[in-house]
């Protein structure tokens, strides 16, 4: 499935959850959703979005979906153990394209072999899903997205060579202000 196809299912089924996008998803998500509950997280340290999501979920009592890449997840595998240890309503979606897509298309360690669903289960996450076919994700994704977290959803997606690092379509300060207003109502 393409990244766009994967994200369409999330956009249709996210409900009132906060959605944090990282890396490749930052460029595509605004085509599908542009609400104050959308947060494009492009820090200089890859892999940190699940921690932000956990803090937001615990502080706001609202569910949070993190759309993360396989490379980002590999850079912080400890997030799986942390999500299991301090449960919060966080769904970590791992878009696995077997590439560091926005840095030139290099394969990450274990590209195409890393079983992120097995890693999540071993870390203690109770709700774990894996999809490689778009039809399966379309039909079973809504159920996976609407249960309580912590949850991990591993999606195999097509990689795209030659991509540039995306820029959020809003400044970080604007995004923070919009999100703060949305969750403090």
C-alpha atoms as a PDB file:
ATOM      1  CA  UNK A   1       0.000   0.000   0.000  1.00  0.00           C
ATOM      2  CA  UNK A   2       1.105   3.564  -0.512  1.00  0.00           C
ATOM      3  CA  UNK A   3       1.669   5.950   2.380  1.00  0.00           C
ATOM      4  CA  UNK A   4      -1.262   8.035   1.138  1.00  0.00           C
ATOM      5  CA  UNK A   5      -3.570   4.997   1.180  1.00  0.00           C
ATOM      6  CA  UNK A   6      -2.429   4.113   4.704  1.00  0.00           C
ATOM      7  CA  UNK A   7      -3.019   7.668   5.932  1.00  0.00           C
ATOM      8  CA  UNK A   8      -6.482   7.869   4.342  1.00  0.00           C
ATOM      9  CA  UNK A   9      -7.696   5.056   6.610  1.00  0.00           C
ATOM     10  CA  UNK A  10      -6.337   6.880   9.658  1.00  0.00           C
ATOM     11  CA  UNK A  11      -7.923  10.190   8.638  1.00  0.00           C
ATOM     12  CA  UNK A  12     -11.343   8.560   8.180  1.00  0.00           C
ATOM     13  CA  UNK A  13     -11.222   6.730  11.514  1.00  0.00           C
ATOM     14  CA  UNK A  14      -9.281   8.961  13.921  1.00  0.00           C
ATOM     15  CA  UNK A  15     -12.363  10.419  15.615  1.00  0.00           C
ATOM     16  CA  UNK A  16     -11.393  13.142  18.106  1.00  0.00           C
ATOM     17  CA  UNK A  17      -7.926  11.792  18.747  1.00  0.00           C
ATOM     18  CA  UNK A  18      -4.834  13.967  18.486  1.00  0.00           C
ATOM     19  CA  UNK A  19      -2.685  12.928  15.507  1.00  0.00           C
ATOM     20  CA  UNK A  20       1.072  13.506  15.601  1.00  0.00           C
ATOM     21  CA  UNK A  21       2.783  13.060  12.241  1.00  0.00           C
ATOM     22  CA  UNK A  22       6.506  12.659  11.695  1.00  0.00           C
ATOM     23  CA  UNK A  23       8.829  12.506   8.688  1.00  0.00           C
ATOM     24  CA  UNK A  24       7.094  11.419   5.437  1.00  0.00           C
ATOM     25  CA  UNK A  25       3.581  11.717   6.894  1.00  0.00           C
ATOM     26  CA  UNK A  26       4.132  15.428   7.654  1.00  0.00           C
ATOM     27  CA  UNK A  27       4.008  16.227   3.923  1.00  0.00           C
ATOM     28  CA  UNK A  28       0.924  14.126   3.139  1.00  0.00           C
ATOM     29  CA  UNK A  29      -1.310  14.483   6.216  1.00  0.00           C
ATOM     30  CA  UNK A  30      -2.468  18.098   5.570  1.00  0.00           C
ATOM     31  CA  UNK A  31      -4.107  16.898   2.325  1.00  0.00           C
ATOM     32  CA  UNK A  32      -6.278  14.588   4.457  1.00  0.00           C
ATOM     33  CA  UNK A  33      -6.796  16.497   7.699  1.00  0.00           C
ATOM     34  CA  UNK A  34      -6.188  20.009   8.954  1.00  0.00           C
ATOM     35  CA  UNK A  35      -7.636  20.381  12.426  1.00  0.00           C
ATOM     36  CA  UNK A  36      -6.218  21.868  15.631  1.00  0.00           C
ATOM     37  CA  UNK A  37      -5.744  18.253  16.815  1.00  0.00           C
ATOM     38  CA  UNK A  38      -3.154  17.625  14.062  1.00  0.00           C
ATOM     39  CA  UNK A  39       0.467  18.175  15.073  1.00  0.00           C
ATOM     40  CA  UNK A  40       3.364  17.897  12.614  1.00  0.00           C
ATOM     41  CA  UNK A  41       6.393  16.977  14.718  1.00  0.00           C
ATOM     42  CA  UNK A  42       9.692  17.472  12.912  1.00  0.00           C
ATOM     43  CA  UNK A  43      12.378  17.808  15.574  1.00  0.00           C
ATOM     44  CA  UNK A  44      16.051  17.263  15.000  1.00  0.00           C
ATOM     45  CA  UNK A  45      15.919  14.081  17.105  1.00  0.00           C
ATOM     46  CA  UNK A  46      14.081  11.283  15.293  1.00  0.00           C
ATOM     47  CA  UNK A  47      12.172   8.785  17.402  1.00  0.00           C
ATOM     48  CA  UNK A  48      10.838  11.067  20.119  1.00  0.00           C
ATOM     49  CA  UNK A  49       7.183  11.505  19.042  1.00  0.00           C
ATOM     50  CA  UNK A  50       5.859   8.542  21.116  1.00  0.00           C
ATOM     51  CA  UNK A  51       7.076  10.256  24.302  1.00  0.00           C
ATOM     52  CA  UNK A  52       5.306  13.470  23.303  1.00  0.00           C
ATOM     53  CA  UNK A  53       2.164  11.455  22.546  1.00  0.00           C
ATOM     54  CA  UNK A  54       2.286   9.687  25.887  1.00  0.00           C
ATOM     55  CA  UNK A  55       2.589  12.995  27.728  1.00  0.00           C
ATOM     56  CA  UNK A  56      -0.311  14.497  25.784  1.00  0.00           C
ATOM     57  CA  UNK A  57      -2.494  11.437  26.363  1.00  0.00           C
ATOM     58  CA  UNK A  58      -1.814  11.407  30.097  1.00  0.00           C
ATOM     59  CA  UNK A  59      -2.253  15.176  30.496  1.00  0.00           C
ATOM     60  CA  UNK A  60      -5.329  15.602  28.318  1.00  0.00           C
ATOM     61  CA  UNK A  61      -7.184  12.302  28.864  1.00  0.00           C
ATOM     62  CA  UNK A  62      -7.524  12.195  25.067  1.00  0.00           C
ATOM     63  CA  UNK A  63      -6.327   9.472  22.711  1.00  0.00           C
ATOM     64  CA  UNK A  64      -3.260  10.186  20.599  1.00  0.00           C
ATOM     65  CA  UNK A  65      -2.197   8.560  17.333  1.00  0.00           C
ATOM     66  CA  UNK A  66       1.485   8.797  16.391  1.00  0.00           C
ATOM     67  CA  UNK A  67       2.379   8.222  12.752  1.00  0.00           C
ATOM     68  CA  UNK A  68       6.025   7.195  12.875  1.00  0.00           C
ATOM     69  CA  UNK A  69       8.438   5.682  10.415  1.00  0.00           C
ATOM     70  CA  UNK A  70      10.396   2.461  10.760  1.00  0.00           C
ATOM     71  CA  UNK A  71      13.651   4.433  10.983  1.00  0.00           C
ATOM     72  CA  UNK A  72      12.269   6.692  13.717  1.00  0.00           C
ATOM     73  CA  UNK A  73      11.076   3.672  15.657  1.00  0.00           C
ATOM     74  CA  UNK A  74      14.459   1.967  15.369  1.00  0.00           C
ATOM     75  CA  UNK A  75      16.093   5.098  16.788  1.00  0.00           C
ATOM     76  CA  UNK A  76      14.001   4.761  19.942  1.00  0.00           C
ATOM     77  CA  UNK A  77      12.916   1.157  20.482  1.00  0.00           C
ATOM     78  CA  UNK A  78      12.708   2.004  24.171  1.00  0.00           C
ATOM     79  CA  UNK A  79       9.458   3.840  23.425  1.00  0.00           C
ATOM     80  CA  UNK A  80       7.732   0.457  23.150  1.00  0.00           C
ATOM     81  CA  UNK A  81       8.737  -0.530  26.672  1.00  0.00           C
ATOM     82  CA  UNK A  82       7.838   2.929  27.996  1.00  0.00           C
ATOM     83  CA  UNK A  83       4.368   2.799  26.399  1.00  0.00           C
ATOM     84  CA  UNK A  84       3.775  -0.638  27.930  1.00  0.00           C
ATOM     85  CA  UNK A  85       5.121   0.379  31.361  1.00  0.00           C
ATOM     86  CA  UNK A  86       3.105   3.595  31.746  1.00  0.00           C
ATOM     87  CA  UNK A  87      -0.065   2.873  29.814  1.00  0.00           C
ATOM     88  CA  UNK A  88      -1.725   5.786  28.085  1.00  0.00           C
ATOM     89  CA  UNK A  89      -4.206   5.946  25.237  1.00  0.00           C
ATOM     90  CA  UNK A  90      -1.522   6.063  22.538  1.00  0.00           C
ATOM     91  CA  UNK A  91      -1.628   4.247  19.221  1.00  0.00           C
ATOM     92  CA  UNK A  92       1.791   4.077  17.583  1.00  0.00           C
ATOM     93  CA  UNK A  93       1.508   3.521  13.840  1.00  0.00           C
ATOM     94  CA  UNK A  94       4.766   2.415  12.250  1.00  0.00           C
ATOM     95  CA  UNK A  95       4.929   3.117   8.512  1.00  0.00           C
ATOM     96  CA  UNK A  96       7.546   0.611   7.404  1.00  0.00           C
ATOM     97  CA  UNK A  97       8.960   1.422   3.975  1.00  0.00           C
ATOM     98  CA  UNK A  98      12.400  -0.134   4.701  1.00  0.00           C
ATOM     99  CA  UNK A  99      14.032   3.226   3.906  1.00  0.00           C
ATOM    100  CA  UNK A 100      15.207   6.393   5.529  1.00  0.00           C
ATOM    101  CA  UNK A 101      13.078   8.017   2.860  1.00  0.00           C
ATOM    102  CA  UNK A 102      13.732  11.702   3.558  1.00  0.00           C
ATOM    103  CA  UNK A 103      17.511  11.400   3.978  1.00  0.00           C
ATOM    104  CA  UNK A 104      18.306   9.792   0.649  1.00  0.00           C
ATOM    105  CA  UNK A 105      16.697   6.357   0.698  1.00  0.00           C
ATOM    106  CA  UNK A 106      19.255   4.444   2.757  1.00  0.00           C
ATOM    107  CA  UNK A 107      17.980   1.165   4.221  1.00  0.00           C
ATOM    108  CA  UNK A 108      17.857   1.156   8.027  1.00  0.00           C
ATOM    109  CA  UNK A 109      19.358  -1.725   9.979  1.00  0.00           C
ATOM    110  CA  UNK A 110      17.129  -4.768   9.571  1.00  0.00           C
ATOM    111  CA  UNK A 111      15.257  -3.266   6.612  1.00  0.00           C
ATOM    112  CA  UNK A 112      12.501  -5.613   5.515  1.00  0.00           C
ATOM    113  CA  UNK A 113      13.329  -8.118   8.283  1.00  0.00           C
ATOM    114  CA  UNK A 114      12.465  -6.287  11.502  1.00  0.00           C
ATOM    115  CA  UNK A 115       9.228  -7.589  12.988  1.00  0.00           C
ATOM    116  CA  UNK A 116       7.908  -4.483  14.727  1.00  0.00           C
ATOM    117  CA  UNK A 117       4.739  -6.290  15.841  1.00  0.00           C
ATOM    118  CA  UNK A 118       6.821  -8.956  17.613  1.00  0.00           C
ATOM    119  CA  UNK A 119       8.991  -6.260  19.222  1.00  0.00           C
ATOM    120  CA  UNK A 120       5.862  -4.494  20.503  1.00  0.00           C
ATOM    121  CA  UNK A 121       4.448  -7.713  21.960  1.00  0.00           C
ATOM    122  CA  UNK A 122       7.789  -8.540  23.593  1.00  0.00           C
ATOM    123  CA  UNK A 123       7.826  -5.046  25.140  1.00  0.00           C
ATOM    124  CA  UNK A 124       4.448  -5.760  26.742  1.00  0.00           C
ATOM    125  CA  UNK A 125       2.015  -3.983  24.408  1.00  0.00           C
ATOM    126  CA  UNK A 126      -1.271  -5.894  24.488  1.00  0.00           C
ATOM    127  CA  UNK A 127      -2.927  -4.534  21.345  1.00  0.00           C
ATOM    128  CA  UNK A 128      -0.682  -5.146  18.324  1.00  0.00           C
ATOM    129  CA  UNK A 129      -1.658  -5.291  14.659  1.00  0.00           C
ATOM    130  CA  UNK A 130       0.253  -5.755  11.400  1.00  0.00           C
ATOM    131  CA  UNK A 131      -0.990  -5.047   7.894  1.00  0.00           C
ATOM    132  CA  UNK A 132       0.778  -5.281   4.561  1.00  0.00           C
ATOM    133  CA  UNK A 133      -2.239  -5.214   2.242  1.00  0.00           C
ATOM    134  CA  UNK A 134      -4.375  -2.130   1.710  1.00  0.00           C
ATOM    135  CA  UNK A 135      -7.660  -4.101   1.632  1.00  0.00           C
ATOM    136  CA  UNK A 136      -6.930  -5.676   5.036  1.00  0.00           C
ATOM    137  CA  UNK A 137      -5.982  -2.282   6.518  1.00  0.00           C
ATOM    138  CA  UNK A 138      -9.164  -0.704   5.105  1.00  0.00           C
ATOM    139  CA  UNK A 139     -11.420  -3.369   6.572  1.00  0.00           C
ATOM    140  CA  UNK A 140      -9.708  -4.029   9.926  1.00  0.00           C
ATOM    141  CA  UNK A 141      -8.000  -0.684  10.514  1.00  0.00           C
ATOM    142  CA  UNK A 142     -11.054   1.054  12.015  1.00  0.00           C
ATOM    143  CA  UNK A 143     -11.229  -1.558  14.799  1.00  0.00           C
ATOM    144  CA  UNK A 144      -7.489  -1.267  15.462  1.00  0.00           C
ATOM    145  CA  UNK A 145      -7.659   2.548  15.569  1.00  0.00           C
ATOM    146  CA  UNK A 146     -10.642   2.819  17.879  1.00  0.00           C
ATOM    147  CA  UNK A 147      -9.623   0.648  20.816  1.00  0.00           C
ATOM    148  CA  UNK A 148      -7.849   2.028  23.870  1.00  0.00           C
ATOM    149  CA  UNK A 149      -4.078   2.277  23.843  1.00  0.00           C
ATOM    150  CA  UNK A 150      -1.369   1.525  24.200  1.00  0.00           C
ATOM    151  CA  UNK A 151      -1.446  -0.087  20.804  1.00  0.00           C
ATOM    152  CA  UNK A 152       1.007  -0.593  17.965  1.00  0.00           C
ATOM    153  CA  UNK A 153       0.014  -0.886  14.309  1.00  0.00           C
ATOM    154  CA  UNK A 154       2.730  -1.961  11.868  1.00  0.00           C
ATOM    155  CA  UNK A 155       1.956  -1.018   8.264  1.00  0.00           C
ATOM    156  CA  UNK A 156       4.150  -2.131   5.368  1.00  0.00           C
ATOM    157  CA  UNK A 157       4.100   0.689   2.839  1.00  0.00           C
ATOM    158  CA  UNK A 158       5.839   1.422  -0.452  1.00  0.00           C
ATOM    159  CA  UNK A 159       9.026   3.440  -0.212  1.00  0.00           C
ATOM    160  CA  UNK A 160       9.626   6.458  -2.416  1.00  0.00           C
ATOM    161  CA  UNK A 161      13.163   7.340  -3.395  1.00  0.00           C
ATOM    162  CA  UNK A 162      14.317  10.922  -3.778  1.00  0.00           C
ATOM    163  CA  UNK A 163      12.075  12.496  -1.142  1.00  0.00           C
ATOM    164  CA  UNK A 164      13.131  15.639   0.685  1.00  0.00           C
ATOM    165  CA  UNK A 165      12.573  16.253   4.385  1.00  0.00           C
ATOM    166  CA  UNK A 166       9.097  17.800   4.598  1.00  0.00           C
ATOM    167  CA  UNK A 167       8.346  21.065   6.336  1.00  0.00           C
ATOM    168  CA  UNK A 168       5.236  21.439   8.479  1.00  0.00           C
ATOM    169  CA  UNK A 169       2.706  23.735   6.833  1.00  0.00           C
ATOM    170  CA  UNK A 170       2.357  25.704  10.084  1.00  0.00           C
ATOM    171  CA  UNK A 171       5.001  27.024  12.454  1.00  0.00           C
ATOM    172  CA  UNK A 172       5.647  25.060  15.623  1.00  0.00           C
ATOM    173  CA  UNK A 173       4.332  27.943  17.771  1.00  0.00           C
ATOM    174  CA  UNK A 174       1.102  28.109  15.726  1.00  0.00           C
ATOM    175  CA  UNK A 175       0.631  24.344  16.022  1.00  0.00           C
ATOM    176  CA  UNK A 176       1.228  24.417  19.782  1.00  0.00           C
ATOM    177  CA  UNK A 177      -1.271  27.251  20.246  1.00  0.00           C
ATOM    178  CA  UNK A 178      -3.940  25.494  18.148  1.00  0.00           C
ATOM    179  CA  UNK A 179      -3.431  22.196  19.959  1.00  0.00           C
ATOM    180  CA  UNK A 180      -3.466  23.850  23.392  1.00  0.00           C
ATOM    181  CA  UNK A 181      -6.749  25.613  22.614  1.00  0.00           C
ATOM    182  CA  UNK A 182      -8.299  22.392  21.274  1.00  0.00           C
ATOM    183  CA  UNK A 183      -7.426  20.225  24.286  1.00  0.00           C
ATOM    184  CA  UNK A 184      -8.150  22.872  26.948  1.00  0.00           C
ATOM    185  CA  UNK A 185     -11.754  23.476  25.866  1.00  0.00           C
END
